[in-house]
Amino acid sequence: MKQESDSEFEMMLDASDTLLKVSESIYARQQSVQVDELMCSVFDVNYSYATKCGAVVMQDGHCTHMAGCIRFFERIDPEVSLILTHYSSGQQDTCYRKVDGEWQAIRSGLPRPIRGYEH
């Protein structure tokens, strides 16, 4: 499996942050939907086949179920390698990243993951 470089990973995170800032006001006017598999109330779900990256925008204060979130996106594309979860306020929550076939969860506020990151 091809792993993205750290600079490509940083670009994906930056693009995700920009998209959320643009759409933040939209979420303030929408109703969220409870998604049982993710175990949270969701405003938006996106996936890019080009980058193998998924994103979930959920209600502030909620969190996804890691295994459920990964299964959700693996059904969309078994080769998914990155999943970002954000609050509707635009704050990043968790990054799930597949490294050497293993999924890692990195919470917001921790250093952005790099190859070999140990938690």
PDB file of N, CA and C in Angstrom:
ATOM      1  N   MET A   1       0.837  -1.182   0.000  1.00  0.00           N
ATOM      2  CA  MET A   1       0.000   0.000   0.000  1.00  0.00           C
ATOM      3  C   MET A   1       0.881   1.246   0.000  1.00  0.00           C
ATOM      4  N   LYS A   2       0.580   2.186  -0.864  1.00  0.00           N
ATOM      5  CA  LYS A   2       1.343   3.430  -0.946  1.00  0.00           C
ATOM      6  C   LYS A   2       0.973   4.330   0.221  1.00  0.00           C
ATOM      7  N   GLN A   3       1.979   4.820   0.921  1.00  0.00           N
ATOM      8  CA  GLN A   3       1.753   5.762   2.006  1.00  0.00           C
ATOM      9  C   GLN A   3       2.024   7.167   1.473  1.00  0.00           C
ATOM     10  N   GLU A   4       1.184   8.107   1.834  1.00  0.00           N
ATOM     11  CA  GLU A   4       1.416   9.475   1.407  1.00  0.00           C
ATOM     12  C   GLU A   4       2.582  10.054   2.190  1.00  0.00           C
ATOM     13  N   SER A   5       3.292  10.986   1.561  1.00  0.00           N
ATOM     14  CA  SER A   5       4.398  11.633   2.260  1.00  0.00           C
ATOM     15  C   SER A   5       3.844  12.559   3.331  1.00  0.00           C
ATOM     16  N   ASP A   6       4.707  12.944   4.256  1.00  0.00           N
ATOM     17  CA  ASP A   6       4.266  13.833   5.328  1.00  0.00           C
ATOM     18  C   ASP A   6       3.791  15.171   4.774  1.00  0.00           C
ATOM     19  N   SER A   7       4.436  15.673   3.710  1.00  0.00           N
ATOM     20  CA  SER A   7       4.001  16.953   3.140  1.00  0.00           C
ATOM     21  C   SER A   7       2.627  16.814   2.471  1.00  0.00           C
ATOM     22  N   GLU A   8       2.361  15.678   1.821  1.00  0.00           N
ATOM     23  CA  GLU A   8       1.038  15.443   1.239  1.00  0.00           C
ATOM     24  C   GLU A   8      -0.015  15.369   2.336  1.00  0.00           C
ATOM     25  N   PHE A   9       0.337  14.720   3.446  1.00  0.00           N
ATOM     26  CA  PHE A   9      -0.570  14.602   4.585  1.00  0.00           C
ATOM     27  C   PHE A   9      -0.879  15.990   5.139  1.00  0.00           C
ATOM     28  N   GLU A  10       0.138  16.832   5.296  1.00  0.00           N
ATOM     29  CA  GLU A  10      -0.058  18.203   5.785  1.00  0.00           C
ATOM     30  C   GLU A  10      -0.966  18.986   4.844  1.00  0.00           C
ATOM     31  N   MET A  11      -0.779  18.818   3.529  1.00  0.00           N
ATOM     32  CA  MET A  11      -1.624  19.524   2.555  1.00  0.00           C
ATOM     33  C   MET A  11      -3.080  19.082   2.684  1.00  0.00           C
ATOM     34  N   MET A  12      -3.319  17.785   2.912  1.00  0.00           N
ATOM     35  CA  MET A  12      -4.688  17.302   3.073  1.00  0.00           C
ATOM     36  C   MET A  12      -5.329  17.899   4.323  1.00  0.00           C
ATOM     37  N   LEU A  13      -4.574  17.971   5.421  1.00  0.00           N
ATOM     38  CA  LEU A  13      -5.111  18.567   6.643  1.00  0.00           C
ATOM     39  C   LEU A  13      -5.420  20.048   6.445  1.00  0.00           C
ATOM     40  N   ASP A  14      -4.530  20.769   5.777  1.00  0.00           N
ATOM     41  CA  ASP A  14      -4.756  22.197   5.532  1.00  0.00           C
ATOM     42  C   ASP A  14      -5.977  22.422   4.647  1.00  0.00           C
ATOM     43  N   ALA A  15      -6.136  21.589   3.606  1.00  0.00           N
ATOM     44  CA  ALA A  15      -7.299  21.715   2.723  1.00  0.00           C
ATOM     45  C   ALA A  15      -8.584  21.436   3.487  1.00  0.00           C
ATOM     46  N   SER A  16      -8.552  20.453   4.366  1.00  0.00           N
ATOM     47  CA  SER A  16      -9.721  20.132   5.175  1.00  0.00           C
ATOM     48  C   SER A  16     -10.076  21.299   6.090  1.00  0.00           C
ATOM     49  N   ASP A  17      -9.067  21.911   6.719  1.00  0.00           N
ATOM     50  CA  ASP A  17      -9.305  23.060   7.599  1.00  0.00           C
ATOM     51  C   ASP A  17      -9.929  24.216   6.834  1.00  0.00           C
ATOM     52  N   THR A  18      -9.438  24.481   5.625  1.00  0.00           N
ATOM     53  CA  THR A  18      -9.964  25.566   4.791  1.00  0.00           C
ATOM     54  C   THR A  18     -11.419  25.305   4.424  1.00  0.00           C
ATOM     55  N   LEU A  19     -11.727  24.084   4.018  1.00  0.00           N
ATOM     56  CA  LEU A  19     -13.093  23.722   3.652  1.00  0.00           C
ATOM     57  C   LEU A  19     -14.041  23.929   4.826  1.00  0.00           C
ATOM     58  N   LEU A  20     -13.622  23.545   6.014  1.00  0.00           N
ATOM     59  CA  LEU A  20     -14.478  23.696   7.186  1.00  0.00           C
ATOM     60  C   LEU A  20     -14.734  25.162   7.519  1.00  0.00           C
ATOM     61  N   LYS A  21     -13.728  26.008   7.366  1.00  0.00           N
ATOM     62  CA  LYS A  21     -13.904  27.435   7.655  1.00  0.00           C
ATOM     63  C   LYS A  21     -14.920  28.056   6.705  1.00  0.00           C
ATOM     64  N   VAL A  22     -14.892  27.635   5.445  1.00  0.00           N
ATOM     65  CA  VAL A  22     -15.832  28.151   4.451  1.00  0.00           C
ATOM     66  C   VAL A  22     -17.253  27.700   4.757  1.00  0.00           C
ATOM     67  N   SER A  23     -17.412  26.464   5.209  1.00  0.00           N
ATOM     68  CA  SER A  23     -18.752  25.899   5.377  1.00  0.00           C
ATOM     69  C   SER A  23     -19.294  25.995   6.806  1.00  0.00           C
ATOM     70  N   GLU A  24     -18.519  26.533   7.723  1.00  0.00           N
ATOM     71  CA  GLU A  24     -18.929  26.579   9.131  1.00  0.00           C
ATOM     72  C   GLU A  24     -20.289  27.239   9.326  1.00  0.00           C
ATOM     73  N   SER A  25     -20.550  28.338   8.628  1.00  0.00           N
ATOM     74  CA  SER A  25     -21.825  29.044   8.800  1.00  0.00           C
ATOM     75  C   SER A  25     -23.008  28.221   8.284  1.00  0.00           C
ATOM     76  N   ILE A  26     -22.758  27.353   7.333  1.00  0.00           N
ATOM     77  CA  ILE A  26     -23.825  26.494   6.801  1.00  0.00           C
ATOM     78  C   ILE A  26     -24.305  25.532   7.878  1.00  0.00           C
ATOM     79  N   TYR A  27     -23.377  24.946   8.637  1.00  0.00           N
ATOM     80  CA  TYR A  27     -23.741  23.973   9.661  1.00  0.00           C
ATOM     81  C   TYR A  27     -24.564  24.599  10.777  1.00  0.00           C
ATOM     82  N   ALA A  28     -24.342  25.867  11.045  1.00  0.00           N
ATOM     83  CA  ALA A  28     -25.100  26.553  12.099  1.00  0.00           C
ATOM     84  C   ALA A  28     -26.593  26.598  11.771  1.00  0.00           C
ATOM     85  N   ARG A  29     -26.938  26.488  10.485  1.00  0.00           N
ATOM     86  CA  ARG A  29     -28.345  26.567  10.065  1.00  0.00           C
ATOM     87  C   ARG A  29     -28.953  25.210   9.741  1.00  0.00           C
ATOM     88  N   GLN A  30     -28.189  24.142   9.847  1.00  0.00           N
ATOM     89  CA  GLN A  30     -28.673  22.815   9.480  1.00  0.00           C
ATOM     90  C   GLN A  30     -28.999  21.964  10.696  1.00  0.00           C
ATOM     91  N   GLN A  31     -29.819  20.954  10.464  1.00  0.00           N
ATOM     92  CA  GLN A  31     -30.093  19.919  11.462  1.00  0.00           C
ATOM     93  C   GLN A  31     -29.075  18.804  11.261  1.00  0.00           C
ATOM     94  N   SER A  32     -28.532  18.299  12.329  1.00  0.00           N
ATOM     95  CA  SER A  32     -27.643  17.141  12.228  1.00  0.00           C
ATOM     96  C   SER A  32     -28.500  15.874  12.229  1.00  0.00           C
ATOM     97  N   VAL A  33     -27.889  14.764  11.813  1.00  0.00           N
ATOM     98  CA  VAL A  33     -28.568  13.478  11.734  1.00  0.00           C
ATOM     99  C   VAL A  33     -27.772  12.463  12.552  1.00  0.00           C
ATOM    100  N   GLN A  34     -28.456  11.727  13.414  1.00  0.00           N
ATOM    101  CA  GLN A  34     -27.788  10.686  14.202  1.00  0.00           C
ATOM    102  C   GLN A  34     -27.423   9.529  13.275  1.00  0.00           C
ATOM    103  N   VAL A  35     -26.150   9.161  13.246  1.00  0.00           N
ATOM    104  CA  VAL A  35     -25.679   8.018  12.456  1.00  0.00           C
ATOM    105  C   VAL A  35     -25.212   6.965  13.457  1.00  0.00           C
ATOM    106  N   ASP A  36     -26.007   5.921  13.597  1.00  0.00           N
ATOM    107  CA  ASP A  36     -25.754   4.917  14.634  1.00  0.00           C
ATOM    108  C   ASP A  36     -24.374   4.277  14.517  1.00  0.00           C
ATOM    109  N   GLU A  37     -23.945   3.972  13.292  1.00  0.00           N
ATOM    110  CA  GLU A  37     -22.645   3.322  13.117  1.00  0.00           C
ATOM    111  C   GLU A  37     -21.496   4.214  13.599  1.00  0.00           C
ATOM    112  N   LEU A  38     -21.630   5.510  13.412  1.00  0.00           N
ATOM    113  CA  LEU A  38     -20.592   6.445  13.858  1.00  0.00           C
ATOM    114  C   LEU A  38     -20.771   6.833  15.321  1.00  0.00           C
ATOM    115  N   MET A  39     -21.958   6.554  15.858  1.00  0.00           N
ATOM    116  CA  MET A  39     -22.320   6.872  17.241  1.00  0.00           C
ATOM    117  C   MET A  39     -22.225   8.367  17.544  1.00  0.00           C
ATOM    118  N   CYS A  40     -22.652   9.181  16.574  1.00  0.00           N
ATOM    119  CA  CYS A  40     -22.661  10.626  16.793  1.00  0.00           C
ATOM    120  C   CYS A  40     -23.671  11.273  15.863  1.00  0.00           C
ATOM    121  N   SER A  41     -23.922  12.534  16.106  1.00  0.00           N
ATOM    122  CA  SER A  41     -24.831  13.317  15.296  1.00  0.00           C
ATOM    123  C   SER A  41     -24.014  14.052  14.231  1.00  0.00           C
ATOM    124  N   VAL A  42     -24.321  13.808  12.951  1.00  0.00           N
ATOM    125  CA  VAL A  42     -23.479  14.221  11.829  1.00  0.00           C
ATOM    126  C   VAL A  42     -24.165  15.280  10.971  1.00  0.00           C
ATOM    127  N   PHE A  43     -23.375  16.265  10.547  1.00  0.00           N
ATOM    128  CA  PHE A  43     -23.832  17.263   9.587  1.00  0.00           C
ATOM    129  C   PHE A  43     -23.419  16.893   8.167  1.00  0.00           C
ATOM    130  N   ASP A  44     -22.216  16.331   8.024  1.00  0.00           N
ATOM    131  CA  ASP A  44     -21.664  16.119   6.688  1.00  0.00           C
ATOM    132  C   ASP A  44     -20.673  14.960   6.708  1.00  0.00           C
ATOM    133  N   VAL A  45     -20.650  14.200   5.609  1.00  0.00           N
ATOM    134  CA  VAL A  45     -19.668  13.139   5.389  1.00  0.00           C
ATOM    135  C   VAL A  45     -19.155  13.307   3.969  1.00  0.00           C
ATOM    136  N   ASN A  46     -17.840  13.309   3.806  1.00  0.00           N
ATOM    137  CA  ASN A  46     -17.228  13.449   2.481  1.00  0.00           C
ATOM    138  C   ASN A  46     -16.141  12.414   2.309  1.00  0.00           C
ATOM    139  N   TYR A  47     -15.910  12.039   1.036  1.00  0.00           N
ATOM    140  CA  TYR A  47     -14.809  11.138   0.730  1.00  0.00           C
ATOM    141  C   TYR A  47     -14.202  11.511  -0.614  1.00  0.00           C
ATOM    142  N   SER A  48     -12.871  11.500  -0.677  1.00  0.00           N
ATOM    143  CA  SER A  48     -12.150  11.759  -1.922  1.00  0.00           C
ATOM    144  C   SER A  48     -11.427  10.482  -2.341  1.00  0.00           C
ATOM    145  N   TYR A  49     -11.823   9.953  -3.492  1.00  0.00           N
ATOM    146  CA  TYR A  49     -11.134   8.776  -4.014  1.00  0.00           C
ATOM    147  C   TYR A  49      -9.717   9.137  -4.452  1.00  0.00           C
ATOM    148  N   ALA A  50      -9.497  10.374  -4.869  1.00  0.00           N
ATOM    149  CA  ALA A  50      -8.169  10.806  -5.316  1.00  0.00           C
ATOM    150  C   ALA A  50      -7.159  10.798  -4.177  1.00  0.00           C
ATOM    151  N   THR A  51      -7.556  11.260  -3.001  1.00  0.00           N
ATOM    152  CA  THR A  51      -6.631  11.355  -1.870  1.00  0.00           C
ATOM    153  C   THR A  51      -6.791  10.212  -0.868  1.00  0.00           C
ATOM    154  N   LYS A  52      -7.837   9.383  -1.047  1.00  0.00           N
ATOM    155  CA  LYS A  52      -8.143   8.284  -0.107  1.00  0.00           C
ATOM    156  C   LYS A  52      -8.428   8.827   1.289  1.00  0.00           C
ATOM    157  N   CYS A  53      -9.072  10.004   1.319  1.00  0.00           N
ATOM    158  CA  CYS A  53      -9.320  10.706   2.579  1.00  0.00           C
ATOM    159  C   CYS A  53     -10.819  10.910   2.799  1.00  0.00           C
ATOM    160  N   GLY A  54     -11.287  10.549   4.000  1.00  0.00           N
ATOM    161  CA  GLY A  54     -12.672  10.773   4.381  1.00  0.00           C
ATOM    162  C   GLY A  54     -12.749  11.846   5.453  1.00  0.00           C
ATOM    163  N   ALA A  55     -13.912  12.467   5.558  1.00  0.00           N
ATOM    164  CA  ALA A  55     -14.112  13.509   6.577  1.00  0.00           C
ATOM    165  C   ALA A  55     -15.531  13.432   7.121  1.00  0.00           C
ATOM    166  N   VAL A  56     -15.642  13.655   8.418  1.00  0.00           N
ATOM    167  CA  VAL A  56     -16.932  13.697   9.103  1.00  0.00           C
ATOM    168  C   VAL A  56     -17.017  15.030   9.834  1.00  0.00           C
ATOM    169  N   VAL A  57     -18.139  15.725   9.652  1.00  0.00           N
ATOM    170  CA  VAL A  57     -18.397  16.940  10.434  1.00  0.00           C
ATOM    171  C   VAL A  57     -19.565  16.613  11.345  1.00  0.00           C
ATOM    172  N   MET A  58     -19.307  16.702  12.647  1.00  0.00           N
ATOM    173  CA  MET A  58     -20.316  16.295  13.617  1.00  0.00           C
ATOM    174  C   MET A  58     -20.679  17.444  14.550  1.00  0.00           C
ATOM    175  N   GLN A  59     -21.723  17.240  15.275  1.00  0.00           N
ATOM    176  CA  GLN A  59     -22.195  18.234  16.229  1.00  0.00           C
ATOM    177  C   GLN A  59     -21.132  18.466  17.302  1.00  0.00           C
ATOM    178  N   ASP A  60     -20.963  19.717  17.716  1.00  0.00           N
ATOM    179  CA  ASP A  60     -20.008  20.042  18.775  1.00  0.00           C
ATOM    180  C   ASP A  60     -20.270  19.175  20.002  1.00  0.00           C
ATOM    181  N   GLY A  61     -19.195  18.679  20.609  1.00  0.00           N
ATOM    182  CA  GLY A  61     -19.311  17.863  21.814  1.00  0.00           C
ATOM    183  C   GLY A  61     -19.488  16.380  21.547  1.00  0.00           C
ATOM    184  N   HIS A  62     -19.732  15.992  20.301  1.00  0.00           N
ATOM    185  CA  HIS A  62     -19.886  14.575  19.966  1.00  0.00           C
ATOM    186  C   HIS A  62     -18.530  14.003  19.582  1.00  0.00           C
ATOM    187  N   CYS A  63     -18.442  12.691  19.500  1.00  0.00           N
ATOM    188  CA  CYS A  63     -17.237  12.030  18.998  1.00  0.00           C
ATOM    189  C   CYS A  63     -17.662  10.764  18.269  1.00  0.00           C
ATOM    190  N   THR A  64     -16.852  10.366  17.303  1.00  0.00           N
ATOM    191  CA  THR A  64     -17.167   9.157  16.543  1.00  0.00           C
ATOM    192  C   THR A  64     -16.653   7.930  17.278  1.00  0.00           C
ATOM    193  N   HIS A  65     -17.232   6.804  16.944  1.00  0.00           N
ATOM    194  CA  HIS A  65     -16.735   5.506  17.400  1.00  0.00           C
ATOM    195  C   HIS A  65     -15.666   5.107  16.385  1.00  0.00           C
ATOM    196  N   MET A  66     -14.425   4.953  16.834  1.00  0.00           N
ATOM    197  CA  MET A  66     -13.310   4.738  15.916  1.00  0.00           C
ATOM    198  C   MET A  66     -13.551   3.561  14.974  1.00  0.00           C
ATOM    199  N   ALA A  67     -13.853   2.396  15.518  1.00  0.00           N
ATOM    200  CA  ALA A  67     -14.031   1.201  14.675  1.00  0.00           C
ATOM    201  C   ALA A  67     -15.214   1.376  13.721  1.00  0.00           C
ATOM    202  N   GLY A  68     -16.289   1.980  14.209  1.00  0.00           N
ATOM    203  CA  GLY A  68     -17.454   2.217  13.354  1.00  0.00           C
ATOM    204  C   GLY A  68     -17.143   3.191  12.234  1.00  0.00           C
ATOM    205  N   CYS A  69     -16.399   4.231  12.529  1.00  0.00           N
ATOM    206  CA  CYS A  69     -16.032   5.233  11.537  1.00  0.00           C
ATOM    207  C   CYS A  69     -15.135   4.617  10.457  1.00  0.00           C
ATOM    208  N   ILE A  70     -14.167   3.827  10.876  1.00  0.00           N
ATOM    209  CA  ILE A  70     -13.269   3.180   9.916  1.00  0.00           C
ATOM    210  C   ILE A  70     -14.054   2.205   9.036  1.00  0.00           C
ATOM    211  N   ARG A  71     -14.924   1.391   9.629  1.00  0.00           N
ATOM    212  CA  ARG A  71     -15.760   0.455   8.829  1.00  0.00           C
ATOM    213  C   ARG A  71     -16.625   1.214   7.829  1.00  0.00           C
ATOM    214  N   PHE A  72     -17.210   2.340   8.269  1.00  0.00           N
ATOM    215  CA  PHE A  72     -18.065   3.166   7.417  1.00  0.00           C
ATOM    216  C   PHE A  72     -17.310   3.572   6.142  1.00  0.00           C
ATOM    217  N   PHE A  73     -16.097   4.099   6.307  1.00  0.00           N
ATOM    218  CA  PHE A  73     -15.330   4.561   5.147  1.00  0.00           C
ATOM    219  C   PHE A  73     -14.707   3.409   4.362  1.00  0.00           C
ATOM    220  N   GLU A  74     -14.384   2.293   5.019  1.00  0.00           N
ATOM    221  CA  GLU A  74     -13.852   1.148   4.280  1.00  0.00           C
ATOM    222  C   GLU A  74     -14.903   0.528   3.362  1.00  0.00           C
ATOM    223  N   ARG A  75     -16.176   0.694   3.692  1.00  0.00           N
ATOM    224  CA  ARG A  75     -17.239   0.239   2.779  1.00  0.00           C
ATOM    225  C   ARG A  75     -17.304   1.139   1.555  1.00  0.00           C
ATOM    226  N   ILE A  76     -17.002   2.414   1.713  1.00  0.00           N
ATOM    227  CA  ILE A  76     -16.963   3.335   0.575  1.00  0.00           C
ATOM    228  C   ILE A  76     -15.758   3.002  -0.304  1.00  0.00           C
ATOM    229  N   ASP A  77     -14.588   2.839   0.335  1.00  0.00           N
ATOM    230  CA  ASP A  77     -13.363   2.511  -0.394  1.00  0.00           C
ATOM    231  C   ASP A  77     -12.443   1.726   0.547  1.00  0.00           C
ATOM    232  N   PRO A  78     -12.209   0.455   0.270  1.00  0.00           N
ATOM    233  CA  PRO A  78     -11.354  -0.349   1.137  1.00  0.00           C
ATOM    234  C   PRO A  78      -9.922   0.191   1.267  1.00  0.00           C
ATOM    235  N   GLU A  79      -9.525   1.091   0.385  1.00  0.00           N
ATOM    236  CA  GLU A  79      -8.168   1.636   0.425  1.00  0.00           C
ATOM    237  C   GLU A  79      -8.086   2.988   1.135  1.00  0.00           C
ATOM    238  N   VAL A  80      -9.139   3.379   1.851  1.00  0.00           N
ATOM    239  CA  VAL A  80      -9.096   4.628   2.615  1.00  0.00           C
ATOM    240  C   VAL A  80      -7.874   4.600   3.530  1.00  0.00           C
ATOM    241  N   SER A  81      -7.160   5.747   3.638  1.00  0.00           N
ATOM    242  CA  SER A  81      -5.965   5.769   4.483  1.00  0.00           C
ATOM    243  C   SER A  81      -5.976   6.895   5.512  1.00  0.00           C
ATOM    244  N   LEU A  82      -6.958   7.781   5.410  1.00  0.00           N
ATOM    245  CA  LEU A  82      -7.015   8.912   6.330  1.00  0.00           C
ATOM    246  C   LEU A  82      -8.470   9.305   6.542  1.00  0.00           C
ATOM    247  N   ILE A  83      -8.858   9.513   7.803  1.00  0.00           N
ATOM    248  CA  ILE A  83     -10.205   9.973   8.134  1.00  0.00           C
ATOM    249  C   ILE A  83     -10.061  11.111   9.138  1.00  0.00           C
ATOM    250  N   LEU A  84     -10.667  12.245   8.824  1.00  0.00           N
ATOM    251  CA  LEU A  84     -10.619  13.409   9.700  1.00  0.00           C
ATOM    252  C   LEU A  84     -11.997  13.656  10.273  1.00  0.00           C
ATOM    253  N   THR A  85     -12.073  13.907  11.568  1.00  0.00           N
ATOM    254  CA  THR A  85     -13.350  14.273  12.169  1.00  0.00           C
ATOM    255  C   THR A  85     -13.226  15.687  12.723  1.00  0.00           C
ATOM    256  N   HIS A  86     -14.271  16.455  12.484  1.00  0.00           N
ATOM    257  CA  HIS A  86     -14.307  17.857  12.897  1.00  0.00           C
ATOM    258  C   HIS A  86     -15.638  18.159  13.562  1.00  0.00           C
ATOM    259  N   TYR A  87     -15.624  19.166  14.416  1.00  0.00           N
ATOM    260  CA  TYR A  87     -16.861  19.697  14.976  1.00  0.00           C
ATOM    261  C   TYR A  87     -17.444  20.724  14.013  1.00  0.00           C
ATOM    262  N   SER A  88     -18.746  20.942  14.093  1.00  0.00           N
ATOM    263  CA  SER A  88     -19.392  21.912  13.209  1.00  0.00           C
ATOM    264  C   SER A  88     -18.856  23.321  13.425  1.00  0.00           C
ATOM    265  N   SER A  89     -18.242  23.589  14.559  1.00  0.00           N
ATOM    266  CA  SER A  89     -17.645  24.900  14.817  1.00  0.00           C
ATOM    267  C   SER A  89     -16.335  25.078  14.065  1.00  0.00           C
ATOM    268  N   GLY A  90     -15.825  24.002  13.429  1.00  0.00           N
ATOM    269  CA  GLY A  90     -14.602  24.072  12.660  1.00  0.00           C
ATOM    270  C   GLY A  90     -13.392  23.498  13.359  1.00  0.00           C
ATOM    271  N   GLN A  91     -13.512  23.178  14.640  1.00  0.00           N
ATOM    272  CA  GLN A  91     -12.379  22.616  15.381  1.00  0.00           C
ATOM    273  C   GLN A  91     -12.177  21.154  14.997  1.00  0.00           C
ATOM    274  N   GLN A  92     -10.912  20.778  14.749  1.00  0.00           N
ATOM    275  CA  GLN A  92     -10.615  19.385  14.444  1.00  0.00           C
ATOM    276  C   GLN A  92     -10.733  18.556  15.714  1.00  0.00           C
ATOM    277  N   ASP A  93     -11.300  17.349  15.584  1.00  0.00           N
ATOM    278  CA  ASP A  93     -11.419  16.441  16.725  1.00  0.00           C
ATOM    279  C   ASP A  93     -10.331  15.380  16.658  1.00  0.00           C
ATOM    280  N   THR A  94     -10.474  14.436  15.740  1.00  0.00           N
ATOM    281  CA  THR A  94      -9.569  13.290  15.677  1.00  0.00           C
ATOM    282  C   THR A  94      -9.164  13.024  14.239  1.00  0.00           C
ATOM    283  N   CYS A  95      -7.957  12.515  14.082  1.00  0.00           N
ATOM    284  CA  CYS A  95      -7.461  12.055  12.791  1.00  0.00           C
ATOM    285  C   CYS A  95      -7.200  10.566  12.932  1.00  0.00           C
ATOM    286  N   TYR A  96      -7.812   9.764  12.063  1.00  0.00           N
ATOM    287  CA  TYR A  96      -7.522   8.334  12.001  1.00  0.00           C
ATOM    288  C   TYR A  96      -6.647   8.144  10.771  1.00  0.00           C
ATOM    289  N   ARG A  97      -5.471   7.567  10.962  1.00  0.00           N
ATOM    290  CA  ARG A  97      -4.516   7.415   9.863  1.00  0.00           C
ATOM    291  C   ARG A  97      -4.010   5.980   9.820  1.00  0.00           C
ATOM    292  N   LYS A  98      -4.040   5.401   8.622  1.00  0.00           N
ATOM    293  CA  LYS A  98      -3.564   4.035   8.442  1.00  0.00           C
ATOM    294  C   LYS A  98      -2.082   4.079   8.079  1.00  0.00           C
ATOM    295  N   VAL A  99      -1.261   3.478   8.932  1.00  0.00           N
ATOM    296  CA  VAL A  99       0.185   3.440   8.725  1.00  0.00           C
ATOM    297  C   VAL A  99       0.631   1.986   8.806  1.00  0.00           C
ATOM    298  N   ASP A 100       1.252   1.509   7.736  1.00  0.00           N
ATOM    299  CA  ASP A 100       1.727   0.118   7.674  1.00  0.00           C
ATOM    300  C   ASP A 100       0.623  -0.872   8.032  1.00  0.00           C
ATOM    301  N   GLY A 101      -0.589  -0.613   7.551  1.00  0.00           N
ATOM    302  CA  GLY A 101      -1.715  -1.515   7.753  1.00  0.00           C
ATOM    303  C   GLY A 101      -2.416  -1.389   9.089  1.00  0.00           C
ATOM    304  N   GLU A 102      -1.945  -0.521   9.970  1.00  0.00           N
ATOM    305  CA  GLU A 102      -2.538  -0.323  11.295  1.00  0.00           C
ATOM    306  C   GLU A 102      -3.162   1.067  11.386  1.00  0.00           C
ATOM    307  N   TRP A 103      -4.338   1.151  11.976  1.00  0.00           N
ATOM    308  CA  TRP A 103      -4.995   2.444  12.168  1.00  0.00           C
ATOM    309  C   TRP A 103      -4.508   3.089  13.462  1.00  0.00           C
ATOM    310  N   GLN A 104      -4.205   4.370  13.382  1.00  0.00           N
ATOM    311  CA  GLN A 104      -3.819   5.175  14.542  1.00  0.00           C
ATOM    312  C   GLN A 104      -4.865   6.257  14.734  1.00  0.00           C
ATOM    313  N   ALA A 105      -5.119   6.610  15.970  1.00  0.00           N
ATOM    314  CA  ALA A 105      -6.001   7.735  16.291  1.00  0.00           C
ATOM    315  C   ALA A 105      -5.164   8.820  16.947  1.00  0.00           C
ATOM    316  N   ILE A 106      -5.218  10.018  16.389  1.00  0.00           N
ATOM    317  CA  ILE A 106      -4.487  11.148  16.942  1.00  0.00           C
ATOM    318  C   ILE A 106      -5.503  12.230  17.265  1.00  0.00           C
ATOM    319  N   ARG A 107      -5.588  12.585  18.531  1.00  0.00           N
ATOM    320  CA  ARG A 107      -6.559  13.587  18.986  1.00  0.00           C
ATOM    321  C   ARG A 107      -6.056  14.989  18.680  1.00  0.00           C
ATOM    322  N   SER A 108      -6.978  15.899  18.443  1.00  0.00           N
ATOM    323  CA  SER A 108      -6.639  17.298  18.220  1.00  0.00           C
ATOM    324  C   SER A 108      -5.873  17.822  19.427  1.00  0.00           C
ATOM    325  N   GLY A 109      -4.940  18.721  19.156  1.00  0.00           N
ATOM    326  CA  GLY A 109      -4.143  19.290  20.230  1.00  0.00           C
ATOM    327  C   GLY A 109      -2.812  18.585  20.405  1.00  0.00           C
ATOM    328  N   LEU A 110      -2.699  17.369  19.874  1.00  0.00           N
ATOM    329  CA  LEU A 110      -1.423  16.671  19.886  1.00  0.00           C
ATOM    330  C   LEU A 110      -0.668  17.057  18.618  1.00  0.00           C
ATOM    331  N   PRO A 111       0.637  16.866  18.589  1.00  0.00           N
ATOM    332  CA  PRO A 111       1.380  17.173  17.366  1.00  0.00           C
ATOM    333  C   PRO A 111       0.812  16.388  16.197  1.00  0.00           C
ATOM    334  N   ARG A 112       0.803  17.009  15.026  1.00  0.00           N
ATOM    335  CA  ARG A 112       0.321  16.293  13.851  1.00  0.00           C
ATOM    336  C   ARG A 112       1.187  15.059  13.641  1.00  0.00           C
ATOM    337  N   PRO A 113       0.562  13.949  13.249  1.00  0.00           N
ATOM    338  CA  PRO A 113       1.309  12.692  13.148  1.00  0.00           C
ATOM    339  C   PRO A 113       2.325  12.728  12.013  1.00  0.00           C
ATOM    340  N   ILE A 114       3.415  12.051  12.229  1.00  0.00           N
ATOM    341  CA  ILE A 114       4.406  11.853  11.187  1.00  0.00           C
ATOM    342  C   ILE A 114       4.727  10.372  11.153  1.00  0.00           C
ATOM    343  N   ARG A 115       5.382   9.933  10.089  1.00  0.00           N
ATOM    344  CA  ARG A 115       5.751   8.524   9.997  1.00  0.00           C
ATOM    345  C   ARG A 115       6.538   8.140  11.242  1.00  0.00           C
ATOM    346  N   GLY A 116       6.178   7.029  11.850  1.00  0.00           N
ATOM    347  CA  GLY A 116       6.873   6.574  13.042  1.00  0.00           C
ATOM    348  C   GLY A 116       6.330   7.171  14.332  1.00  0.00           C
ATOM    349  N   TYR A 117       5.247   7.929  14.237  1.00  0.00           N
ATOM    350  CA  TYR A 117       4.657   8.542  15.440  1.00  0.00           C
ATOM    351  C   TYR A 117       4.272   7.457  16.430  1.00  0.00           C
ATOM    352  N   GLU A 118       4.686   7.603  17.658  1.00  0.00           N
ATOM    353  CA  GLU A 118       4.322   6.654  18.702  1.00  0.00           C
ATOM    354  C   GLU A 118       3.440   7.362  19.706  1.00  0.00           C
ATOM    355  N   HIS A 119       2.361   6.731  20.064  1.00  0.00           N
ATOM    356  CA  HIS A 119       1.455   7.352  21.042  1.00  0.00           C
ATOM    357  C   HIS A 119       1.219   6.452  22.214  1.00  0.00           C
TER     358      HIS A 119
END
